């Protein structure tokens, strides 16, 4: 088991139940090892009620990521094979999901329903065995780009600005694509059919690892209820200008810095794999809808709620009609800890789980009014001052007022609604490829990620000052 005394890498806490997160969890070890000869290091995943946190030893993550980058991504032939494998896995998942769309789950026998779920489970796990490499690729690419840039700048602020620009992807995220599509619809005289098609394309956009939200046509209609043609035109012009400016700025820095072919390749790869991570997120959220539909169909047959079924593993769902799973559900749904590595997994509940959670929840930080992170987006000004609001779940998003500083452990797709109101964003974890970084750049919102412990040092109502070029966050009042 990993040691709590080591410097730890933490992903989360996020809103999550066991089953939705178990697919990337299970695919990250033996399956990835079989494909690439490299897998994620030994991990602990703590599920506490409706929250989950993934814990690893920081050193192991860094070493594993570096090996993956050097062995699988930097060599052109290996990377070509990687891309082909990814596309094959995505296509297979989409094909199976298209088949599910043609089924009426309620009419299937128990056996046929389980067989359909088994086919989907395999395709989804196969998808994740490639998809879970995204972070292993992006962390070392970020580090490599920083090392490339350091000799070119005497002032850290200038280097951070160059790093933020060169790590900005030249394609829009699916959130921004959805918003742009909706703005185009707002300019139409007759919107009914276009909104229906839009809903069918994007109904899944606010899904997460805890629940799947099926957005109806009215939801999207309400988003543009007060949008004028001029508003839509300005928004679409801003998007066009944003993409053009990103390309020009990146070309300018690449040329002025006289980056070698190999150095420019790192910039290009980081761009590609930030997009890869966003595409993975999109397909993951879509898959969440199908998982939810399967569980609804099962729930009606076994007298276990859809939410409670989410405390089982895929193989246990597949065996749901042969074995009573209620005892497992009851043991896990309040607290469960999974210790997993290549070759096996241990599951702890009740007292043992509680002891492990307490050990890894010990304070690992010093109280400070000065925090240091990575510049993800500089915004329009070098400094930003505002009132902090700690948002640990999108459900708390309403307490964030326009212009407040959103402070979170990390952000996920369902944070986007409140991120639009944020004057600035600060996170505990993440780099320039994380969700908060990508979205903040598209909004032009100052963002500093990877501070380590902002949510522990900062309180609601604290006045923060962000230095958007140094990556510093200072508590200046309360």
Protein backbone atom coordinates (compact mmCIF):
# COMPACT_ATOMS: atom_id res chain seq x y z
CA UNK A 1 0.00 0.00 0.00
CA UNK A 2 1.20 3.53 -0.70
CA UNK A 3 2.69 5.46 2.20
CA UNK A 4 0.97 8.47 3.73
CA UNK A 5 4.41 9.81 4.69
CA UNK A 6 5.37 10.29 1.03
CA UNK A 7 4.55 13.40 -1.01
CA UNK A 8 1.17 12.53 -2.46
CA UNK A 9 -0.61 13.24 -5.72
CA UNK A 10 -4.35 13.71 -5.17
CA UNK A 11 -7.08 13.84 -7.78
CA UNK A 12 -10.29 15.08 -6.19
CA UNK A 13 -12.35 15.15 -4.13
CA UNK A 14 -15.00 15.11 -6.85
CA UNK A 15 -18.69 14.25 -6.82
CA UNK A 16 -18.63 10.54 -7.55
CA UNK A 17 -20.02 7.12 -6.79
CA UNK A 18 -18.06 3.91 -7.19
CA UNK A 19 -19.42 2.43 -10.42
CA UNK A 20 -18.96 5.40 -12.80
CA UNK A 21 -15.37 5.93 -11.62
CA UNK A 22 -14.59 2.20 -11.50
CA UNK A 23 -14.19 2.01 -15.30
CA UNK A 24 -11.14 4.31 -15.48
CA UNK A 25 -9.96 2.84 -12.16
CA UNK A 26 -10.00 -0.76 -13.39
CA UNK A 27 -8.63 0.06 -16.85
CA UNK A 28 -5.60 1.95 -15.46
CA UNK A 29 -3.68 -1.11 -14.32
CA UNK A 30 -3.59 -4.61 -15.86
CA UNK A 31 -5.39 -3.53 -19.03
CA UNK A 32 -3.09 -0.58 -19.65
CA UNK A 33 -0.05 -2.67 -18.74
CA UNK A 34 -1.04 -5.27 -21.32
CA UNK A 35 -1.41 -2.61 -24.03
CA UNK A 36 1.64 -0.44 -23.38
CA UNK A 37 3.87 -2.20 -20.86
CA UNK A 38 3.25 0.80 -18.58
CA UNK A 39 0.36 1.49 -16.21
CA UNK A 40 -0.63 3.85 -13.46
CA UNK A 41 1.23 3.30 -10.17
CA UNK A 42 -0.35 1.74 -7.11
CA UNK A 43 -3.32 3.80 -5.98
CA UNK A 44 -5.83 4.35 -3.21
CA UNK A 45 -9.31 5.51 -4.16
CA UNK A 46 -11.39 6.69 -1.22
CA UNK A 47 -15.18 6.86 -1.68
CA UNK A 48 -16.76 8.85 1.14
CA UNK A 49 -20.51 9.09 0.63
CA UNK A 50 -20.86 11.01 -2.65
CA UNK A 51 -17.23 12.10 -2.93
CA UNK A 52 -14.13 10.34 -4.25
CA UNK A 53 -10.43 11.09 -4.10
CA UNK A 54 -7.69 9.23 -5.98
CA UNK A 55 -4.35 9.14 -4.13
CA UNK A 56 -0.93 8.16 -5.47
CA UNK A 57 2.71 8.80 -4.58
CA UNK A 58 3.82 11.90 -6.45
CA UNK A 59 7.25 10.52 -7.36
CA UNK A 60 5.73 7.40 -8.91
CA UNK A 61 3.33 9.45 -11.04
CA UNK A 62 6.16 11.64 -12.34
CA UNK A 63 8.41 8.68 -13.19
CA UNK A 64 5.61 6.71 -14.85
CA UNK A 65 4.52 9.70 -16.91
CA UNK A 66 8.04 10.36 -18.10
CA UNK A 67 8.46 6.74 -19.21
CA UNK A 68 5.15 6.80 -21.05
CA UNK A 69 6.01 10.02 -22.85
CA UNK A 70 9.46 8.80 -23.88
CA UNK A 71 8.43 5.27 -24.90
CA UNK A 72 4.97 5.73 -26.41
CA UNK A 73 4.44 9.38 -27.39
CA UNK A 74 7.71 10.96 -28.54
CA UNK A 75 8.66 8.20 -31.05
CA UNK A 76 6.68 8.88 -34.23
CA UNK A 77 5.91 5.23 -35.04
CA UNK A 78 4.71 4.42 -31.51
CA UNK A 79 2.57 7.55 -31.41
CA UNK A 80 0.93 6.62 -34.74
CA UNK A 81 0.00 3.21 -33.32
CA UNK A 82 -1.32 4.94 -30.19
CA UNK A 83 -3.60 7.25 -32.20
CA UNK A 84 -4.93 4.36 -34.29
CA UNK A 85 -5.67 2.32 -31.18
CA UNK A 86 -7.48 5.25 -29.57
CA UNK A 87 -9.66 5.84 -32.63
CA UNK A 88 -10.46 2.13 -32.86
CA UNK A 89 -11.58 2.06 -29.20
CA UNK A 90 -13.69 5.22 -29.58
CA UNK A 91 -15.36 3.93 -32.74
CA UNK A 92 -16.20 0.62 -31.08
CA UNK A 93 -17.76 2.31 -28.04
CA UNK A 94 -19.86 4.60 -30.25
CA UNK A 95 -20.96 1.67 -32.39
CA UNK A 96 -22.20 -0.26 -29.35
CA UNK A 97 -23.93 2.82 -27.93
CA UNK A 98 -25.65 3.34 -31.27
CA UNK A 99 -26.93 -0.24 -30.96
CA UNK A 100 -28.22 0.48 -27.46
CA UNK A 101 -30.19 3.44 -28.85
CA UNK A 102 -32.11 1.02 -31.04
CA UNK A 103 -33.10 -1.16 -28.08
CA UNK A 104 -35.99 -0.73 -25.68
CA UNK A 105 -34.29 -1.88 -22.48
CA UNK A 106 -37.54 -2.50 -20.62
CA UNK A 107 -38.53 -5.14 -23.20
CA UNK A 108 -35.30 -7.15 -22.93
CA UNK A 109 -35.09 -10.32 -20.87
CA UNK A 110 -32.71 -10.29 -17.90
CA UNK A 111 -30.23 -12.36 -19.88
CA UNK A 112 -30.34 -10.12 -22.95
CA UNK A 113 -30.04 -6.98 -20.82
CA UNK A 114 -26.96 -8.33 -19.05
CA UNK A 115 -25.38 -9.45 -22.33
CA UNK A 116 -25.86 -5.96 -23.72
CA UNK A 117 -24.32 -4.46 -20.58
CA UNK A 118 -21.37 -6.87 -20.83
CA UNK A 119 -20.68 -5.77 -24.41
CA UNK A 120 -20.84 -2.12 -23.37
CA UNK A 121 -18.69 -2.73 -20.27
CA UNK A 122 -15.93 -4.28 -22.38
CA UNK A 123 -16.00 -1.46 -24.92
CA UNK A 124 -16.01 1.19 -22.19
CA UNK A 125 -13.13 -0.43 -20.29
CA UNK A 126 -11.18 -0.75 -23.56
CA UNK A 127 -11.83 2.96 -24.18
CA UNK A 128 -10.45 3.85 -20.75
CA UNK A 129 -7.37 1.64 -21.10
CA UNK A 130 -6.19 4.12 -23.73
CA UNK A 131 -8.02 7.19 -22.43
CA UNK A 132 -6.47 7.05 -18.95
CA UNK A 133 -3.06 7.79 -20.48
CA UNK A 134 -3.99 11.47 -20.99
CA UNK A 135 -2.66 12.73 -17.65
CA UNK A 136 0.41 10.48 -17.88
CA UNK A 137 1.20 12.19 -21.18
CA UNK A 138 0.35 15.79 -20.33
CA UNK A 139 2.15 16.14 -16.99
CA UNK A 140 5.62 15.33 -18.40
CA UNK A 141 4.95 17.34 -21.58
CA UNK A 142 4.16 20.37 -19.40
CA UNK A 143 7.38 19.87 -17.47
CA UNK A 144 9.36 19.42 -20.68
CA UNK A 145 7.96 22.65 -22.15
CA UNK A 146 8.85 24.60 -19.00
CA UNK A 147 12.42 23.32 -19.18
CA UNK A 148 12.61 24.35 -22.84
CA UNK A 149 11.44 27.88 -22.03
CA UNK A 150 13.54 28.59 -18.92
CA UNK A 151 16.83 29.43 -20.76
CA UNK A 152 14.99 31.95 -22.96
CA UNK A 153 13.72 34.19 -20.14
CA UNK A 154 15.41 36.02 -17.30
CA UNK A 155 12.08 37.17 -15.86
CA UNK A 156 9.79 34.45 -14.51
CA UNK A 157 6.72 36.52 -15.40
CA UNK A 158 7.66 36.57 -19.07
CA UNK A 159 8.29 32.82 -19.02
CA UNK A 160 4.92 32.14 -17.41
CA UNK A 161 3.18 34.25 -20.03
CA UNK A 162 4.95 32.35 -22.84
CA UNK A 163 4.11 29.03 -21.18
CA UNK A 164 0.43 29.94 -20.85
CA UNK A 165 0.24 30.96 -24.53
CA UNK A 166 2.17 28.00 -25.94
CA UNK A 167 0.09 25.55 -23.90
CA UNK A 168 -3.24 26.96 -25.08
CA UNK A 169 -4.93 24.54 -27.52
CA UNK A 170 -5.87 25.93 -30.93
CA UNK A 171 -9.23 24.14 -30.94
CA UNK A 172 -12.24 25.01 -28.83
CA UNK A 173 -13.42 22.69 -26.06
CA UNK A 174 -16.75 20.95 -26.50
CA UNK A 175 -18.27 23.37 -23.95
CA UNK A 176 -17.44 26.30 -26.17
CA UNK A 177 -18.54 24.43 -29.30
CA UNK A 178 -21.93 23.81 -27.68
CA UNK A 179 -22.23 27.47 -26.72
CA UNK A 180 -21.30 28.58 -30.24
CA UNK A 181 -23.82 26.20 -31.82
CA UNK A 182 -26.50 27.55 -29.47
CA UNK A 183 -25.65 31.13 -30.38
CA UNK A 184 -26.07 30.32 -34.07
CA UNK A 185 -29.52 28.91 -33.31
CA UNK A 186 -30.48 32.08 -31.43
CA UNK A 187 -30.24 34.03 -34.70
CA UNK A 188 -32.69 31.78 -36.55
CA UNK A 189 -36.29 32.88 -37.08
CA UNK A 190 -37.59 29.35 -36.55
CA UNK A 191 -35.66 27.64 -33.76
CA UNK A 192 -37.79 24.61 -32.88
CA UNK A 193 -36.17 21.95 -35.07
CA UNK A 194 -32.64 23.32 -34.56
CA UNK A 195 -33.09 23.26 -30.76
CA UNK A 196 -34.32 19.67 -30.93
CA UNK A 197 -31.22 18.63 -32.88
CA UNK A 198 -29.02 20.61 -30.49
CA UNK A 199 -30.56 18.86 -27.49
CA UNK A 200 -29.99 15.44 -29.07
CA UNK A 201 -26.35 16.36 -29.64
CA UNK A 202 -25.58 17.91 -26.24
CA UNK A 203 -28.07 16.58 -23.65
CA UNK A 204 -25.21 14.97 -21.71
CA UNK A 205 -22.99 18.02 -21.29
CA UNK A 206 -23.36 18.37 -17.50
CA UNK A 207 -23.02 14.69 -16.57
CA UNK A 208 -20.46 13.70 -13.93
CA UNK A 209 -19.18 10.66 -12.03
CA UNK A 210 -22.12 10.77 -9.64
CA UNK A 211 -25.14 11.29 -11.84
CA UNK A 212 -26.26 11.72 -15.42
CA UNK A 213 -28.42 14.76 -16.14
CA UNK A 214 -30.60 14.50 -19.23
CA UNK A 215 -30.99 18.09 -20.44
CA UNK A 216 -34.25 18.69 -22.31
CA UNK A 217 -35.02 21.09 -25.13
CA UNK A 218 -36.45 23.67 -22.72
CA UNK A 219 -33.11 23.85 -20.88
CA UNK A 220 -31.31 24.94 -24.05
CA UNK A 221 -34.20 27.18 -25.09
CA UNK A 222 -33.91 29.00 -21.75
CA UNK A 223 -30.19 29.59 -22.30
CA UNK A 224 -30.89 31.82 -25.31
CA UNK A 225 -34.23 33.25 -24.21
CA UNK A 226 -32.81 36.76 -23.78
CA UNK A 227 -30.04 36.54 -26.41
CA UNK A 228 -30.29 39.09 -29.21
CA UNK A 229 -28.89 38.65 -32.72
CA UNK A 230 -26.27 41.27 -31.84
CA UNK A 231 -25.25 39.28 -28.72
CA UNK A 232 -24.86 36.13 -30.80
CA UNK A 233 -22.89 37.92 -33.50
CA UNK A 234 -20.49 39.44 -30.96
CA UNK A 235 -20.01 36.07 -29.23
CA UNK A 236 -19.21 34.27 -32.50
CA UNK A 237 -16.81 37.02 -33.53
CA UNK A 238 -15.05 36.71 -30.18
CA UNK A 239 -14.65 32.96 -30.67
CA UNK A 240 -13.27 33.46 -34.17
CA UNK A 241 -10.87 36.16 -32.97
CA UNK A 242 -9.84 34.02 -29.99
CA UNK A 243 -8.85 31.08 -32.20
CA UNK A 244 -7.03 33.32 -34.67
CA UNK A 245 -5.15 35.09 -31.88
CA UNK A 246 -4.14 31.79 -30.25
CA UNK A 247 -2.62 30.59 -33.53
CA UNK A 248 -0.85 33.90 -34.18
CA UNK A 249 0.54 34.16 -30.62
CA UNK A 250 1.83 30.60 -30.70
CA UNK A 251 3.44 31.11 -34.10
CA UNK A 252 5.03 34.36 -32.89
CA UNK A 253 6.56 32.76 -29.78
CA UNK A 254 7.77 29.71 -31.70
CA UNK A 255 9.46 31.96 -34.26
CA UNK A 256 10.91 34.54 -31.83
CA UNK A 257 12.25 31.87 -29.49
CA UNK A 258 13.81 30.06 -32.47
CA UNK A 259 12.63 26.72 -31.15
CA UNK A 260 14.28 23.70 -32.69
CA UNK A 261 12.23 21.09 -34.54
CA UNK A 262 12.23 18.85 -31.47
CA UNK A 263 11.24 21.72 -29.17
CA UNK A 264 8.43 22.80 -31.48
CA UNK A 265 7.28 19.16 -31.51
CA UNK A 266 6.76 19.33 -27.72
CA UNK A 267 4.53 22.40 -28.15
CA UNK A 268 2.56 20.61 -30.87
CA UNK A 269 2.18 17.43 -28.84
CA UNK A 270 1.01 19.30 -25.76
CA UNK A 271 -1.60 21.03 -27.92
CA UNK A 272 -2.74 17.69 -29.37
CA UNK A 273 -3.00 15.93 -26.04
CA UNK A 274 -4.88 18.75 -24.31
CA UNK A 275 -7.43 18.30 -27.11
CA UNK A 276 -7.20 14.51 -26.62
CA UNK A 277 -8.07 14.95 -22.94
CA UNK A 278 -11.05 17.15 -23.81
CA UNK A 279 -12.32 14.65 -26.40
CA UNK A 280 -11.96 11.84 -23.85
CA UNK A 281 -14.02 13.87 -21.39
CA UNK A 282 -16.74 14.34 -24.00
CA UNK A 283 -17.06 10.62 -24.73
CA UNK A 284 -16.94 9.84 -21.03
CA UNK A 285 -19.88 12.15 -20.33
CA UNK A 286 -21.86 10.62 -23.18
CA UNK A 287 -21.13 7.13 -21.86
CA UNK A 288 -22.48 8.22 -18.47
CA UNK A 289 -25.93 8.49 -20.05
CA UNK A 290 -25.87 4.85 -21.18
CA UNK A 291 -24.70 3.65 -17.79
CA UNK A 292 -27.57 5.55 -16.18
CA UNK A 293 -30.09 3.96 -18.56
CA UNK A 294 -28.76 0.47 -17.82
CA UNK A 295 -29.04 1.06 -14.09
CA UNK A 296 -32.60 2.39 -14.40
CA UNK A 297 -33.59 -0.78 -16.26
CA UNK A 298 -31.93 -3.00 -13.62
CA UNK A 299 -33.32 -1.02 -10.68
CA UNK A 300 -36.91 -1.79 -11.64
CA UNK A 301 -36.14 -5.52 -11.64
CA UNK A 302 -34.11 -5.96 -8.45
CA UNK A 303 -35.68 -3.41 -6.10
CA UNK A 304 -32.41 -1.52 -5.57
CA UNK A 305 -32.35 2.20 -6.34
CA UNK A 306 -30.33 3.47 -9.29
CA UNK A 307 -28.14 5.47 -6.89
CA UNK A 308 -27.46 2.41 -4.71
CA UNK A 309 -26.50 0.31 -7.74
CA UNK A 310 -23.66 2.77 -8.28
CA UNK A 311 -21.84 1.29 -5.28
CA UNK A 312 -21.15 -1.93 -7.18
CA UNK A 313 -18.37 -2.83 -9.61
CA UNK A 314 -19.10 -3.66 -13.28
CA UNK A 315 -18.68 -7.42 -12.72
CA UNK A 316 -21.10 -7.23 -9.79
CA UNK A 317 -23.69 -5.45 -11.94
CA UNK A 318 -23.26 -8.19 -14.54
CA UNK A 319 -24.08 -10.76 -11.84
CA UNK A 320 -26.96 -8.77 -10.32
CA UNK A 321 -29.69 -11.29 -11.22
CA UNK A 322 -27.76 -14.22 -9.76
CA UNK A 323 -26.56 -12.77 -6.47
CA UNK A 324 -28.13 -10.44 -3.92
CA UNK A 325 -25.85 -7.37 -3.77
CA UNK A 326 -27.70 -5.35 -1.12
CA UNK A 327 -25.21 -6.13 1.66
CA UNK A 328 -22.27 -4.96 -0.48
CA UNK A 329 -24.12 -1.77 -1.35
CA UNK A 330 -24.88 -1.01 2.30
CA UNK A 331 -21.27 -1.57 3.37
CA UNK A 332 -19.78 0.62 0.66
CA UNK A 333 -22.13 3.53 0.18
CA UNK A 334 -21.02 5.40 3.30
CA UNK A 335 -17.29 4.72 3.07
CA UNK A 336 -15.09 2.41 0.98
CA UNK A 337 -11.39 2.39 0.14
CA UNK A 338 -9.93 0.60 -2.88
CA UNK A 339 -6.23 -0.26 -2.90
CA UNK A 340 -5.34 -1.21 -6.47
CA UNK A 341 -2.23 -2.08 -8.47
CA UNK A 342 -1.25 -4.43 -11.26
CA UNK A 343 -2.27 -7.94 -10.31
CA UNK A 344 -4.96 -7.20 -7.78
CA UNK A 345 -7.24 -5.02 -5.71
CA UNK A 346 -8.26 -4.91 -2.05
CA UNK A 347 -11.55 -3.41 -0.91
CA UNK A 348 -11.90 -2.02 2.60
CA UNK A 349 -15.10 -0.91 4.32
CA UNK A 350 -16.26 0.06 7.81
CA UNK A 351 -13.52 0.31 10.48
CA UNK A 352 -10.59 -0.55 8.22
CA UNK A 353 -11.71 1.99 5.61
CA UNK A 354 -12.16 4.62 8.31
CA UNK A 355 -8.60 4.10 9.61
CA UNK A 356 -7.11 4.43 6.11
CA UNK A 357 -9.13 7.54 5.35
CA UNK A 358 -8.04 9.20 8.60
CA UNK A 359 -4.40 8.37 7.93
CA UNK A 360 -4.45 9.99 4.49
CA UNK A 361 -6.55 12.95 5.56
CA UNK A 362 -3.96 14.23 8.02
CA UNK A 363 -2.97 17.85 7.47
CA UNK A 364 -0.04 18.01 5.08
CA UNK A 365 0.34 21.76 4.74
CA UNK A 366 1.56 24.84 6.51
CA UNK A 367 -0.81 27.76 7.00
CA UNK A 368 0.24 30.58 4.69
CA UNK A 369 -1.16 33.79 3.22
CA UNK A 370 1.02 33.35 0.12
CA UNK A 371 0.36 30.50 -2.30
CA UNK A 372 2.23 29.56 -5.46
CA UNK A 373 0.73 27.80 -8.46
CA UNK A 374 0.96 27.52 -12.24
CA UNK A 375 -0.32 30.27 -14.50
CA UNK A 376 -3.07 28.78 -16.69
CA UNK A 377 -4.53 32.06 -17.96
CA UNK A 378 -3.28 35.59 -17.33
CA UNK A 379 -6.55 37.32 -18.19
CA UNK A 380 -6.43 40.95 -19.29
CA UNK A 381 -4.49 42.37 -16.34
CA UNK A 382 -1.41 41.43 -14.36
CA UNK A 383 -3.29 41.60 -11.07
CA UNK A 384 -6.75 40.61 -9.95
CA UNK A 385 -8.32 41.30 -6.58
CA UNK A 386 -11.59 39.82 -5.41
CA UNK A 387 -13.59 37.93 -2.80
CA UNK A 388 -12.93 34.19 -2.46
CA UNK A 389 -15.67 31.57 -2.46
CA UNK A 390 -14.76 27.95 -1.75
CA UNK A 391 -16.77 25.75 -4.15
CA UNK A 392 -16.19 22.04 -3.54
CA UNK A 393 -19.16 20.88 -5.60
CA UNK A 394 -21.20 22.38 -8.45
CA UNK A 395 -24.15 22.09 -6.06
CA UNK A 396 -22.58 24.96 -4.09
CA UNK A 397 -22.20 27.11 -7.22
CA UNK A 398 -25.03 29.51 -6.34
CA UNK A 399 -22.97 31.12 -3.57
CA UNK A 400 -20.49 32.39 -6.21
CA UNK A 401 -21.52 35.91 -7.23
CA UNK A 402 -20.47 37.67 -10.43
CA UNK A 403 -16.77 38.58 -10.19
CA UNK A 404 -15.98 36.43 -7.14
CA UNK A 405 -12.86 34.25 -7.14
CA UNK A 406 -13.79 30.59 -7.47
CA UNK A 407 -11.51 28.50 -5.23
CA UNK A 408 -11.80 24.73 -5.70
CA UNK A 409 -9.81 21.56 -5.33
CA UNK A 410 -10.38 21.06 -9.06
CA UNK A 411 -13.18 21.66 -11.53
CA UNK A 412 -15.24 19.29 -13.67
CA UNK A 413 -17.70 19.87 -16.55
CA UNK A 414 -20.64 20.57 -14.26
CA UNK A 415 -18.71 23.53 -12.76
CA UNK A 416 -18.93 25.46 -16.04
CA UNK A 417 -22.16 27.31 -15.17
CA UNK A 418 -20.59 28.94 -12.10
CA UNK A 419 -17.18 29.33 -13.78
CA UNK A 420 -18.83 31.75 -16.21
CA UNK A 421 -19.51 34.09 -13.25
CA UNK A 422 -16.02 33.86 -11.77
CA UNK A 423 -13.72 36.87 -11.88
CA UNK A 424 -10.78 34.50 -11.38
CA UNK A 425 -10.20 30.81 -10.64
CA UNK A 426 -7.78 29.15 -8.20
CA UNK A 427 -7.38 25.37 -7.77
CA UNK A 428 -5.46 23.03 -5.50
CA UNK A 429 -4.45 20.58 -8.22
CA UNK A 430 -3.95 20.47 -11.98
CA UNK A 431 -1.68 21.85 -14.65
CA UNK A 432 -2.22 23.72 -17.91
CA UNK A 433 -4.08 20.72 -19.36
CA UNK A 434 -6.67 20.45 -16.58
CA UNK A 435 -10.33 21.37 -16.96
CA UNK A 436 -10.04 24.68 -15.09
CA UNK A 437 -7.09 25.76 -17.26
CA UNK A 438 -8.77 24.93 -20.57
CA UNK A 439 -12.09 26.58 -19.72
CA UNK A 440 -10.53 29.68 -18.12
CA UNK A 441 -8.52 30.39 -21.28
CA UNK A 442 -11.67 30.26 -23.38
CA UNK A 443 -13.43 32.64 -21.00
CA UNK A 444 -10.36 34.88 -20.68
CA UNK A 445 -10.58 34.44 -16.90
CA UNK A 446 -7.40 34.72 -14.77
CA UNK A 447 -6.60 31.25 -13.49
CA UNK A 448 -3.89 29.83 -11.25
CA UNK A 449 -3.88 26.06 -10.84
CA UNK A 450 -1.87 23.58 -8.78
CA UNK A 451 -1.48 25.70 -5.64
CA UNK A 452 -1.56 22.54 -3.53
CA UNK A 453 -3.73 23.73 -0.66
CA UNK A 454 -5.71 26.85 -1.56
CA UNK A 455 -8.97 25.36 -0.27
CA UNK A 456 -7.34 24.69 3.10
CA UNK A 457 -5.68 28.09 3.52
CA UNK A 458 -8.44 30.28 2.10
CA UNK A 459 -11.85 30.88 3.68
CA UNK A 460 -15.10 32.13 2.17
CA UNK A 461 -14.99 35.91 2.17
CA UNK A 462 -11.19 36.26 2.16
CA UNK A 463 -9.92 38.99 -0.13
CA UNK A 464 -7.35 37.58 -2.54
CA UNK A 465 -4.84 39.25 -4.79
CA UNK A 466 -3.67 37.22 -7.79
CA UNK A 467 -0.47 38.02 -9.62
CA UNK A 468 -1.44 36.56 -12.97
CA UNK A 469 2.08 36.42 -14.36
CA UNK A 470 3.88 35.07 -11.30
CA UNK A 471 1.24 32.49 -10.42
CA UNK A 472 0.93 33.76 -6.85
CA UNK A 473 -2.19 34.06 -4.70
CA UNK A 474 -2.05 36.28 -1.64
CA UNK A 475 -4.64 36.55 1.14
CA UNK A 476 -4.76 40.31 1.79
CA UNK A 477 -7.82 40.54 4.03
CA UNK A 478 -10.97 38.89 5.27
